[in-house]
Amino acid sequence: IGTDPDIGLVVLADGMGGYKAGEVASGIAVRTVMSLLKSAVEREDLCLPDATSGLSRPGILLRDAVRRANMLINQTARTQAHCEGMGTTVVAGLFFDDRLTVAHVGDSRMYRLRDAELSRVTEDHSLMHELVARGFYTPQQAQRASAKNYVTRALGVEPTVEVDVTEVAVVPGDLFLLCSDGLSDMV
């Protein structure tokens, strides 16, 4: 995990269980996102939207930082034998004004607690989530399934990765929780 309250950044990465060097991959992800965002936020005007992609400047910065982390993890996995096959999930949030921009890959999640109601901000990139969305399983059946933790998207597995970027409004009193599947599976 990483936080930088000065720029409003939070990051959580969870190395993929059962794979070599998952802790290396998650460490690279957190360090990369933290360092790239720190330097970018200090030198850029975050108010300017991007006319081409429709994303806000914080969304572009987060997306690009996560993509860069993916590239570094993938390169490390290909060039260092003890890291072959490593990967990680990631969820990151950048607070700016009255907004929160979220970027994520995999099944690490972000929740928002507002007025005593907990709602999920991110959607898992997992086999079970896709099967539930397509109607093959009910959410209750998915909780008991043996394949519920197979991720369909993760950092480091391929040279490029699709990063989901979301923006949500933030109001006073909102609390945000970042967690890995270690918590979300239990709760």
N, C-alpha and C. Protein backbone atom coordinates (compact mmCIF):
# COMPACT_ATOMS: atom_id res chain seq x y z
N ILE A 1 0.85 -1.19 0.00
CA ILE A 1 0.00 0.00 0.00
C ILE A 1 0.88 1.23 0.00
N GLY A 2 0.32 2.33 -0.47
CA GLY A 2 1.02 3.61 -0.45
C GLY A 2 0.01 4.73 -0.35
N THR A 3 0.40 5.77 0.37
CA THR A 3 -0.45 6.96 0.48
C THR A 3 0.43 8.20 0.39
N ASP A 4 -0.11 9.24 -0.18
CA ASP A 4 0.54 10.55 -0.20
C ASP A 4 -0.55 11.58 0.02
N PRO A 5 -0.80 11.93 1.30
CA PRO A 5 -1.87 12.89 1.60
C PRO A 5 -1.64 14.27 0.98
N ASP A 6 -0.39 14.63 0.72
CA ASP A 6 -0.12 15.94 0.13
C ASP A 6 -0.71 16.11 -1.25
N ILE A 7 -0.80 15.01 -2.01
CA ILE A 7 -1.40 15.09 -3.34
C ILE A 7 -2.72 14.33 -3.43
N GLY A 8 -3.16 13.71 -2.33
CA GLY A 8 -4.44 13.01 -2.31
C GLY A 8 -4.42 11.66 -3.00
N LEU A 9 -3.31 10.92 -2.88
CA LEU A 9 -3.14 9.66 -3.59
C LEU A 9 -3.15 8.47 -2.62
N VAL A 10 -3.88 7.41 -3.00
CA VAL A 10 -3.87 6.14 -2.28
C VAL A 10 -3.71 5.02 -3.30
N VAL A 11 -2.91 4.00 -2.94
CA VAL A 11 -2.65 2.87 -3.85
C VAL A 11 -2.59 1.59 -3.04
N LEU A 12 -3.20 0.53 -3.58
CA LEU A 12 -3.10 -0.80 -3.01
C LEU A 12 -2.84 -1.79 -4.13
N ALA A 13 -1.84 -2.64 -3.96
CA ALA A 13 -1.56 -3.70 -4.93
C ALA A 13 -1.44 -5.01 -4.18
N ASP A 14 -1.94 -6.07 -4.79
CA ASP A 14 -1.93 -7.39 -4.17
C ASP A 14 -1.30 -8.38 -5.14
N GLY A 15 -0.08 -8.83 -4.82
CA GLY A 15 0.60 -9.82 -5.64
C GLY A 15 -0.25 -11.06 -5.78
N MET A 16 -0.26 -11.63 -6.95
CA MET A 16 -1.13 -12.76 -7.23
C MET A 16 -0.62 -14.00 -6.52
N GLY A 17 -1.48 -14.58 -5.70
CA GLY A 17 -1.15 -15.79 -4.96
C GLY A 17 -0.90 -16.95 -5.89
N GLY A 18 0.03 -17.80 -5.51
CA GLY A 18 0.34 -18.96 -6.33
C GLY A 18 1.34 -18.68 -7.43
N TYR A 19 1.76 -17.44 -7.58
CA TYR A 19 2.74 -17.09 -8.61
C TYR A 19 4.00 -16.62 -7.93
N LYS A 20 5.11 -16.81 -8.66
CA LYS A 20 6.40 -16.37 -8.14
C LYS A 20 6.44 -14.85 -8.02
N ALA A 21 7.06 -14.38 -6.97
CA ALA A 21 7.42 -12.97 -6.82
C ALA A 21 6.23 -12.01 -6.86
N GLY A 22 5.07 -12.44 -6.40
CA GLY A 22 3.93 -11.53 -6.35
C GLY A 22 4.20 -10.30 -5.52
N GLU A 23 4.98 -10.46 -4.44
CA GLU A 23 5.31 -9.31 -3.60
C GLU A 23 6.24 -8.34 -4.33
N VAL A 24 7.07 -8.85 -5.24
CA VAL A 24 7.92 -7.98 -6.06
C VAL A 24 7.04 -7.17 -7.01
N ALA A 25 6.10 -7.83 -7.65
CA ALA A 25 5.20 -7.16 -8.59
C ALA A 25 4.38 -6.08 -7.89
N SER A 26 3.82 -6.40 -6.72
CA SER A 26 3.01 -5.40 -6.02
C SER A 26 3.86 -4.23 -5.55
N GLY A 27 5.09 -4.50 -5.15
CA GLY A 27 5.99 -3.42 -4.75
C GLY A 27 6.33 -2.49 -5.90
N ILE A 28 6.60 -3.07 -7.07
CA ILE A 28 6.87 -2.26 -8.26
C ILE A 28 5.66 -1.40 -8.60
N ALA A 29 4.47 -1.98 -8.53
CA ALA A 29 3.25 -1.25 -8.87
C ALA A 29 3.06 -0.05 -7.96
N VAL A 30 3.16 -0.26 -6.65
CA VAL A 30 2.94 0.84 -5.71
C VAL A 30 4.00 1.92 -5.89
N ARG A 31 5.27 1.54 -5.94
CA ARG A 31 6.35 2.53 -6.08
C ARG A 31 6.22 3.33 -7.38
N THR A 32 5.88 2.64 -8.46
CA THR A 32 5.77 3.32 -9.76
C THR A 32 4.63 4.33 -9.76
N VAL A 33 3.46 3.91 -9.33
CA VAL A 33 2.31 4.82 -9.31
C VAL A 33 2.59 6.00 -8.38
N MET A 34 3.14 5.72 -7.22
CA MET A 34 3.42 6.80 -6.26
C MET A 34 4.40 7.82 -6.85
N SER A 35 5.51 7.35 -7.41
CA SER A 35 6.52 8.29 -7.89
C SER A 35 6.05 9.06 -9.12
N LEU A 36 5.40 8.38 -10.06
CA LEU A 36 4.93 9.07 -11.27
C LEU A 36 3.86 10.11 -10.95
N LEU A 37 2.94 9.77 -10.05
CA LEU A 37 1.88 10.72 -9.70
C LEU A 37 2.43 11.90 -8.92
N LYS A 38 3.37 11.66 -8.03
CA LYS A 38 3.95 12.74 -7.23
C LYS A 38 4.56 13.80 -8.15
N SER A 39 5.37 13.37 -9.10
CA SER A 39 6.01 14.34 -9.98
C SER A 39 5.01 14.99 -10.94
N ALA A 40 4.04 14.23 -11.44
CA ALA A 40 3.07 14.78 -12.39
C ALA A 40 2.13 15.78 -11.74
N VAL A 41 1.62 15.47 -10.56
CA VAL A 41 0.66 16.34 -9.89
C VAL A 41 1.31 17.67 -9.52
N GLU A 42 2.58 17.64 -9.17
CA GLU A 42 3.28 18.87 -8.79
C GLU A 42 3.52 19.80 -9.96
N ARG A 43 3.56 19.27 -11.20
CA ARG A 43 3.90 20.12 -12.34
C ARG A 43 2.76 20.36 -13.32
N GLU A 44 1.62 19.69 -13.15
CA GLU A 44 0.55 19.80 -14.13
C GLU A 44 -0.69 20.48 -13.58
N ASP A 45 -1.47 21.06 -14.48
CA ASP A 45 -2.75 21.64 -14.12
C ASP A 45 -3.81 20.54 -14.23
N LEU A 46 -4.33 20.11 -13.10
CA LEU A 46 -5.27 19.00 -13.08
C LEU A 46 -6.66 19.39 -13.54
N CYS A 47 -6.92 20.66 -13.72
CA CYS A 47 -8.25 21.12 -14.11
C CYS A 47 -8.54 20.93 -15.59
N LEU A 48 -7.51 20.74 -16.39
CA LEU A 48 -7.71 20.66 -17.83
C LEU A 48 -8.16 19.27 -18.25
N PRO A 49 -9.36 19.13 -18.84
CA PRO A 49 -9.81 17.82 -19.33
C PRO A 49 -9.14 17.50 -20.66
N ASP A 50 -9.09 16.23 -21.02
CA ASP A 50 -8.52 15.80 -22.27
C ASP A 50 -9.65 15.66 -23.29
N ALA A 51 -9.60 16.46 -24.34
CA ALA A 51 -10.67 16.48 -25.34
C ALA A 51 -10.73 15.18 -26.14
N THR A 52 -9.60 14.51 -26.30
CA THR A 52 -9.56 13.29 -27.12
C THR A 52 -10.19 12.10 -26.40
N SER A 53 -9.77 11.83 -25.16
CA SER A 53 -10.23 10.63 -24.46
C SER A 53 -11.48 10.86 -23.63
N GLY A 54 -11.75 12.13 -23.27
CA GLY A 54 -12.88 12.42 -22.40
C GLY A 54 -12.55 12.25 -20.93
N LEU A 55 -11.33 11.78 -20.65
CA LEU A 55 -10.91 11.60 -19.25
C LEU A 55 -10.43 12.91 -18.67
N SER A 56 -10.56 13.03 -17.37
CA SER A 56 -9.98 14.18 -16.67
C SER A 56 -8.47 14.01 -16.65
N ARG A 57 -7.76 15.07 -16.34
CA ARG A 57 -6.30 14.99 -16.24
C ARG A 57 -5.88 13.99 -15.16
N PRO A 58 -6.52 13.98 -13.97
CA PRO A 58 -6.15 12.95 -12.98
C PRO A 58 -6.38 11.53 -13.50
N GLY A 59 -7.43 11.32 -14.29
CA GLY A 59 -7.70 10.00 -14.85
C GLY A 59 -6.61 9.56 -15.81
N ILE A 60 -6.15 10.48 -16.63
CA ILE A 60 -5.07 10.17 -17.58
C ILE A 60 -3.78 9.86 -16.82
N LEU A 61 -3.48 10.67 -15.81
CA LEU A 61 -2.26 10.44 -15.03
C LEU A 61 -2.27 9.09 -14.34
N LEU A 62 -3.40 8.75 -13.71
CA LEU A 62 -3.51 7.46 -13.03
C LEU A 62 -3.42 6.30 -14.03
N ARG A 63 -4.16 6.40 -15.11
CA ARG A 63 -4.15 5.34 -16.12
C ARG A 63 -2.73 5.12 -16.65
N ASP A 64 -2.05 6.21 -16.98
CA ASP A 64 -0.70 6.09 -17.54
C ASP A 64 0.30 5.55 -16.53
N ALA A 65 0.14 5.92 -15.27
CA ALA A 65 1.03 5.40 -14.22
C ALA A 65 0.83 3.89 -14.04
N VAL A 66 -0.41 3.44 -14.07
CA VAL A 66 -0.69 2.01 -13.94
C VAL A 66 -0.16 1.26 -15.16
N ARG A 67 -0.31 1.83 -16.34
CA ARG A 67 0.23 1.20 -17.55
C ARG A 67 1.76 1.10 -17.48
N ARG A 68 2.39 2.15 -16.98
CA ARG A 68 3.86 2.14 -16.83
C ARG A 68 4.28 1.05 -15.83
N ALA A 69 3.55 0.93 -14.73
CA ALA A 69 3.85 -0.11 -13.75
C ALA A 69 3.72 -1.49 -14.40
N ASN A 70 2.69 -1.68 -15.23
CA ASN A 70 2.52 -2.94 -15.93
C ASN A 70 3.73 -3.25 -16.80
N MET A 71 4.18 -2.25 -17.54
CA MET A 71 5.32 -2.44 -18.43
C MET A 71 6.57 -2.84 -17.63
N LEU A 72 6.82 -2.16 -16.51
CA LEU A 72 8.00 -2.47 -15.70
C LEU A 72 7.92 -3.87 -15.09
N ILE A 73 6.75 -4.25 -14.61
CA ILE A 73 6.56 -5.59 -14.04
C ILE A 73 6.76 -6.65 -15.12
N ASN A 74 6.18 -6.44 -16.29
CA ASN A 74 6.32 -7.39 -17.38
C ASN A 74 7.78 -7.52 -17.82
N GLN A 75 8.50 -6.40 -17.93
CA GLN A 75 9.92 -6.45 -18.30
C GLN A 75 10.72 -7.21 -17.26
N THR A 76 10.46 -6.94 -15.98
CA THR A 76 11.18 -7.61 -14.91
C THR A 76 10.90 -9.11 -14.94
N ALA A 77 9.65 -9.49 -15.18
CA ALA A 77 9.29 -10.91 -15.23
C ALA A 77 9.97 -11.61 -16.40
N ARG A 78 10.17 -10.91 -17.50
CA ARG A 78 10.81 -11.51 -18.67
C ARG A 78 12.32 -11.58 -18.57
N THR A 79 12.93 -10.70 -17.77
CA THR A 79 14.39 -10.62 -17.73
C THR A 79 15.03 -11.22 -16.48
N GLN A 80 14.22 -11.49 -15.46
CA GLN A 80 14.77 -12.06 -14.23
C GLN A 80 14.05 -13.38 -13.93
N ALA A 81 14.80 -14.46 -14.02
CA ALA A 81 14.21 -15.81 -13.92
C ALA A 81 13.41 -16.01 -12.64
N HIS A 82 13.86 -15.48 -11.52
CA HIS A 82 13.15 -15.68 -10.25
C HIS A 82 11.83 -14.91 -10.20
N CYS A 83 11.59 -14.03 -11.18
CA CYS A 83 10.35 -13.25 -11.23
C CYS A 83 9.42 -13.68 -12.36
N GLU A 84 9.80 -14.71 -13.09
CA GLU A 84 8.99 -15.16 -14.22
C GLU A 84 7.57 -15.49 -13.79
N GLY A 85 6.60 -14.96 -14.53
CA GLY A 85 5.20 -15.23 -14.26
C GLY A 85 4.57 -14.36 -13.18
N MET A 86 5.32 -13.41 -12.63
CA MET A 86 4.75 -12.62 -11.54
C MET A 86 3.68 -11.66 -12.06
N GLY A 87 2.77 -11.28 -11.16
CA GLY A 87 1.72 -10.33 -11.49
C GLY A 87 1.09 -9.78 -10.23
N THR A 88 0.28 -8.76 -10.39
CA THR A 88 -0.38 -8.13 -9.26
C THR A 88 -1.67 -7.46 -9.71
N THR A 89 -2.58 -7.32 -8.79
CA THR A 89 -3.76 -6.49 -9.01
C THR A 89 -3.44 -5.12 -8.43
N VAL A 90 -4.22 -4.10 -8.80
CA VAL A 90 -3.98 -2.76 -8.26
C VAL A 90 -5.27 -1.96 -8.26
N VAL A 91 -5.42 -1.13 -7.26
CA VAL A 91 -6.48 -0.12 -7.22
C VAL A 91 -5.84 1.14 -6.66
N ALA A 92 -6.09 2.27 -7.33
CA ALA A 92 -5.49 3.55 -6.92
C ALA A 92 -6.53 4.65 -7.03
N GLY A 93 -6.46 5.59 -6.11
CA GLY A 93 -7.38 6.72 -6.13
C GLY A 93 -6.63 8.03 -5.97
N LEU A 94 -7.06 9.04 -6.72
CA LEU A 94 -6.48 10.37 -6.63
C LEU A 94 -7.61 11.36 -6.36
N PHE A 95 -7.57 11.96 -5.18
CA PHE A 95 -8.57 12.95 -4.79
C PHE A 95 -8.17 14.30 -5.36
N PHE A 96 -9.15 15.01 -5.96
CA PHE A 96 -8.90 16.34 -6.49
C PHE A 96 -10.20 17.13 -6.43
N ASP A 97 -10.15 18.26 -5.75
CA ASP A 97 -11.34 19.08 -5.52
C ASP A 97 -12.41 18.20 -4.87
N ASP A 98 -13.59 18.13 -5.47
CA ASP A 98 -14.67 17.33 -4.89
C ASP A 98 -14.88 16.03 -5.66
N ARG A 99 -13.79 15.49 -6.22
CA ARG A 99 -13.85 14.28 -7.04
C ARG A 99 -12.79 13.29 -6.58
N LEU A 100 -13.05 12.03 -6.90
CA LEU A 100 -12.08 10.97 -6.72
C LEU A 100 -11.97 10.23 -8.04
N THR A 101 -10.76 10.17 -8.57
CA THR A 101 -10.50 9.41 -9.78
C THR A 101 -9.89 8.08 -9.35
N VAL A 102 -10.43 6.99 -9.87
CA VAL A 102 -10.01 5.64 -9.49
C VAL A 102 -9.54 4.90 -10.73
N ALA A 103 -8.39 4.23 -10.62
CA ALA A 103 -7.89 3.34 -11.67
C ALA A 103 -7.69 1.98 -11.04
N HIS A 104 -8.11 0.93 -11.75
CA HIS A 104 -7.89 -0.41 -11.19
C HIS A 104 -7.78 -1.47 -12.26
N VAL A 105 -7.08 -2.55 -11.86
CA VAL A 105 -6.90 -3.73 -12.69
C VAL A 105 -6.95 -4.92 -11.75
N GLY A 106 -7.80 -5.90 -12.03
CA GLY A 106 -7.86 -7.11 -11.22
C GLY A 106 -9.02 -7.10 -10.24
N ASP A 107 -8.83 -7.79 -9.11
CA ASP A 107 -9.92 -7.93 -8.15
C ASP A 107 -9.69 -7.22 -6.82
N SER A 108 -8.68 -6.35 -6.75
CA SER A 108 -8.58 -5.47 -5.58
C SER A 108 -9.66 -4.41 -5.77
N ARG A 109 -10.32 -4.06 -4.68
CA ARG A 109 -11.53 -3.24 -4.78
C ARG A 109 -11.42 -1.91 -4.04
N MET A 110 -12.35 -1.03 -4.42
CA MET A 110 -12.59 0.19 -3.65
C MET A 110 -14.07 0.26 -3.35
N TYR A 111 -14.38 0.58 -2.08
CA TYR A 111 -15.74 0.80 -1.62
C TYR A 111 -15.88 2.22 -1.11
N ARG A 112 -17.11 2.73 -1.14
CA ARG A 112 -17.41 4.04 -0.54
C ARG A 112 -18.49 3.84 0.52
N LEU A 113 -18.24 4.41 1.69
CA LEU A 113 -19.24 4.44 2.76
C LEU A 113 -19.81 5.85 2.81
N ARG A 114 -21.11 5.94 2.52
CA ARG A 114 -21.80 7.23 2.53
C ARG A 114 -23.15 7.02 3.21
N ASP A 115 -23.43 7.83 4.23
CA ASP A 115 -24.71 7.75 4.94
C ASP A 115 -25.03 6.32 5.38
N ALA A 116 -24.04 5.66 5.95
CA ALA A 116 -24.17 4.30 6.49
C ALA A 116 -24.44 3.25 5.43
N GLU A 117 -24.22 3.56 4.14
CA GLU A 117 -24.40 2.60 3.06
C GLU A 117 -23.07 2.37 2.36
N LEU A 118 -22.66 1.09 2.30
CA LEU A 118 -21.42 0.71 1.65
C LEU A 118 -21.71 0.32 0.21
N SER A 119 -21.04 0.98 -0.74
CA SER A 119 -21.23 0.64 -2.15
C SER A 119 -19.87 0.42 -2.80
N ARG A 120 -19.86 -0.48 -3.77
CA ARG A 120 -18.62 -0.79 -4.47
C ARG A 120 -18.39 0.24 -5.57
N VAL A 121 -17.17 0.76 -5.64
CA VAL A 121 -16.78 1.74 -6.67
C VAL A 121 -16.22 1.02 -7.89
N THR A 122 -15.52 -0.10 -7.69
CA THR A 122 -14.88 -0.84 -8.78
C THR A 122 -15.60 -2.16 -9.04
N GLU A 123 -15.40 -2.69 -10.22
CA GLU A 123 -15.92 -4.01 -10.58
C GLU A 123 -14.74 -4.94 -10.83
N ASP A 124 -14.80 -6.14 -10.27
CA ASP A 124 -13.70 -7.08 -10.41
C ASP A 124 -13.46 -7.49 -11.85
N HIS A 125 -12.19 -7.71 -12.15
CA HIS A 125 -11.80 -8.34 -13.41
C HIS A 125 -11.47 -9.78 -13.06
N SER A 126 -12.53 -10.57 -12.89
CA SER A 126 -12.36 -11.96 -12.49
C SER A 126 -13.30 -12.84 -13.30
N LEU A 127 -12.93 -14.11 -13.40
CA LEU A 127 -13.77 -15.07 -14.12
C LEU A 127 -15.15 -15.16 -13.50
N MET A 128 -15.21 -15.22 -12.18
CA MET A 128 -16.51 -15.39 -11.52
C MET A 128 -17.39 -14.15 -11.72
N HIS A 129 -16.81 -12.97 -11.65
CA HIS A 129 -17.60 -11.75 -11.87
C HIS A 129 -18.21 -11.77 -13.28
N GLU A 130 -17.42 -12.19 -14.26
CA GLU A 130 -17.93 -12.25 -15.63
C GLU A 130 -19.04 -13.30 -15.76
N LEU A 131 -18.88 -14.44 -15.08
CA LEU A 131 -19.91 -15.48 -15.16
C LEU A 131 -21.21 -15.06 -14.47
N VAL A 132 -21.10 -14.32 -13.38
CA VAL A 132 -22.30 -13.78 -12.71
C VAL A 132 -22.96 -12.74 -13.61
N ALA A 133 -22.16 -11.85 -14.20
CA ALA A 133 -22.70 -10.81 -15.07
C ALA A 133 -23.43 -11.40 -16.28
N ARG A 134 -22.99 -12.57 -16.73
CA ARG A 134 -23.61 -13.22 -17.89
C ARG A 134 -24.73 -14.16 -17.51
N GLY A 135 -24.99 -14.30 -16.20
CA GLY A 135 -26.12 -15.10 -15.75
C GLY A 135 -25.84 -16.58 -15.54
N PHE A 136 -24.59 -17.00 -15.61
CA PHE A 136 -24.26 -18.41 -15.39
C PHE A 136 -24.33 -18.80 -13.91
N TYR A 137 -24.07 -17.85 -13.03
CA TYR A 137 -24.11 -18.07 -11.59
C TYR A 137 -24.87 -16.94 -10.93
N THR A 138 -25.49 -17.22 -9.81
CA THR A 138 -26.03 -16.15 -8.97
C THR A 138 -24.89 -15.66 -8.09
N PRO A 139 -25.01 -14.46 -7.51
CA PRO A 139 -23.96 -14.00 -6.58
C PRO A 139 -23.75 -14.98 -5.42
N GLN A 140 -24.81 -15.61 -4.95
CA GLN A 140 -24.70 -16.57 -3.85
C GLN A 140 -23.91 -17.82 -4.29
N GLN A 141 -24.18 -18.31 -5.48
CA GLN A 141 -23.43 -19.46 -5.99
C GLN A 141 -21.96 -19.11 -6.19
N ALA A 142 -21.71 -17.90 -6.64
CA ALA A 142 -20.33 -17.45 -6.87
C ALA A 142 -19.52 -17.44 -5.59
N GLN A 143 -20.15 -17.10 -4.47
CA GLN A 143 -19.44 -17.08 -3.19
C GLN A 143 -18.89 -18.45 -2.81
N ARG A 144 -19.56 -19.50 -3.24
CA ARG A 144 -19.16 -20.86 -2.88
C ARG A 144 -18.30 -21.52 -3.96
N ALA A 145 -18.13 -20.88 -5.09
CA ALA A 145 -17.42 -21.50 -6.21
C ALA A 145 -15.92 -21.59 -5.94
N SER A 146 -15.30 -22.63 -6.45
CA SER A 146 -13.87 -22.82 -6.22
C SER A 146 -13.01 -21.92 -7.09
N ALA A 147 -13.52 -21.46 -8.21
CA ALA A 147 -12.74 -20.64 -9.15
C ALA A 147 -12.99 -19.15 -8.98
N LYS A 148 -13.45 -18.73 -7.80
CA LYS A 148 -13.87 -17.33 -7.67
C LYS A 148 -12.71 -16.34 -7.68
N ASN A 149 -11.49 -16.77 -7.46
CA ASN A 149 -10.37 -15.83 -7.40
C ASN A 149 -9.50 -15.80 -8.64
N TYR A 150 -9.96 -16.37 -9.75
CA TYR A 150 -9.20 -16.31 -10.98
C TYR A 150 -9.39 -14.94 -11.62
N VAL A 151 -8.31 -14.16 -11.68
CA VAL A 151 -8.42 -12.83 -12.28
C VAL A 151 -8.26 -12.93 -13.80
N THR A 152 -8.99 -12.09 -14.50
CA THR A 152 -8.92 -12.06 -15.96
C THR A 152 -8.04 -10.93 -16.47
N ARG A 153 -7.61 -10.07 -15.55
CA ARG A 153 -6.75 -8.95 -15.91
C ARG A 153 -5.84 -8.68 -14.71
N ALA A 154 -4.55 -8.51 -14.97
CA ALA A 154 -3.60 -8.21 -13.90
C ALA A 154 -2.38 -7.50 -14.49
N LEU A 155 -1.66 -6.79 -13.65
CA LEU A 155 -0.43 -6.12 -14.09
C LEU A 155 0.69 -7.14 -14.23
N GLY A 156 1.47 -6.99 -15.30
CA GLY A 156 2.67 -7.78 -15.50
C GLY A 156 2.50 -9.01 -16.35
N VAL A 157 1.29 -9.47 -16.55
CA VAL A 157 1.05 -10.71 -17.27
C VAL A 157 1.30 -10.54 -18.77
N GLU A 158 0.88 -9.42 -19.31
CA GLU A 158 1.05 -9.10 -20.73
C GLU A 158 1.81 -7.78 -20.85
N PRO A 159 2.40 -7.49 -22.01
CA PRO A 159 3.12 -6.22 -22.18
C PRO A 159 2.23 -4.98 -22.04
N THR A 160 0.93 -5.12 -22.37
CA THR A 160 -0.01 -4.02 -22.19
C THR A 160 -1.20 -4.51 -21.37
N VAL A 161 -1.91 -3.55 -20.77
CA VAL A 161 -3.07 -3.91 -19.96
C VAL A 161 -4.14 -2.82 -20.10
N GLU A 162 -5.38 -3.24 -20.06
CA GLU A 162 -6.50 -2.29 -20.07
C GLU A 162 -6.78 -1.87 -18.62
N VAL A 163 -6.78 -0.58 -18.39
CA VAL A 163 -6.99 -0.02 -17.04
C VAL A 163 -8.37 0.62 -17.01
N ASP A 164 -9.20 0.22 -16.05
CA ASP A 164 -10.50 0.86 -15.87
C ASP A 164 -10.30 2.14 -15.06
N VAL A 165 -10.88 3.23 -15.54
CA VAL A 165 -10.79 4.52 -14.85
C VAL A 165 -12.21 5.02 -14.60
N THR A 166 -12.47 5.41 -13.36
CA THR A 166 -13.78 5.87 -12.94
C THR A 166 -13.61 7.15 -12.13
N GLU A 167 -14.58 8.04 -12.23
CA GLU A 167 -14.60 9.24 -11.37
C GLU A 167 -15.89 9.26 -10.58
N VAL A 168 -15.77 9.59 -9.31
CA VAL A 168 -16.95 9.70 -8.46
C VAL A 168 -16.91 11.01 -7.71
N ALA A 169 -18.09 11.54 -7.43
CA ALA A 169 -18.18 12.75 -6.62
C ALA A 169 -17.92 12.38 -5.16
N VAL A 170 -17.27 13.27 -4.45
CA VAL A 170 -16.97 13.08 -3.03
C VAL A 170 -17.70 14.17 -2.25
N VAL A 171 -18.38 13.75 -1.18
CA VAL A 171 -19.05 14.72 -0.31
C VAL A 171 -18.47 14.59 1.09
N PRO A 172 -18.55 15.66 1.88
CA PRO A 172 -18.03 15.58 3.24
C PRO A 172 -18.63 14.39 4.00
N GLY A 173 -17.78 13.65 4.69
CA GLY A 173 -18.22 12.48 5.43
C GLY A 173 -18.02 11.17 4.71
N ASP A 174 -17.76 11.20 3.39
CA ASP A 174 -17.49 9.96 2.66
C ASP A 174 -16.23 9.30 3.20
N LEU A 175 -16.27 7.99 3.29
CA LEU A 175 -15.09 7.20 3.62
C LEU A 175 -14.87 6.21 2.50
N PHE A 176 -13.61 6.01 2.13
CA PHE A 176 -13.28 5.09 1.05
C PHE A 176 -12.38 3.99 1.59
N LEU A 177 -12.65 2.75 1.17
CA LEU A 177 -11.90 1.59 1.61
C LEU A 177 -11.30 0.91 0.39
N LEU A 178 -9.99 0.74 0.39
CA LEU A 178 -9.30 -0.05 -0.62
C LEU A 178 -8.98 -1.38 0.02
N CYS A 179 -9.22 -2.48 -0.70
CA CYS A 179 -8.93 -3.79 -0.11
C CYS A 179 -8.61 -4.80 -1.19
N SER A 180 -7.88 -5.83 -0.78
CA SER A 180 -7.58 -6.94 -1.67
C SER A 180 -8.65 -8.01 -1.48
N ASP A 181 -8.57 -9.07 -2.25
CA ASP A 181 -9.54 -10.15 -2.12
C ASP A 181 -9.43 -10.84 -0.77
N GLY A 182 -8.33 -10.66 -0.07
CA GLY A 182 -8.20 -11.21 1.28
C GLY A 182 -9.25 -10.67 2.22
N LEU A 183 -9.63 -9.42 2.06
CA LEU A 183 -10.70 -8.83 2.87
C LEU A 183 -12.07 -9.03 2.23
N SER A 184 -12.18 -8.71 0.95
CA SER A 184 -13.51 -8.79 0.32
C SER A 184 -14.07 -10.21 0.32
N ASP A 185 -13.24 -11.24 0.23
CA ASP A 185 -13.72 -12.61 0.30
C ASP A 185 -14.28 -12.93 1.70
N MET A 186 -13.64 -12.38 2.73
CA MET A 186 -14.05 -12.66 4.11
C MET A 186 -15.32 -11.90 4.49
N VAL A 187 -15.44 -10.67 4.00
CA VAL A 187 -16.57 -9.82 4.39
C VAL A 187 -17.69 -9.95 3.39
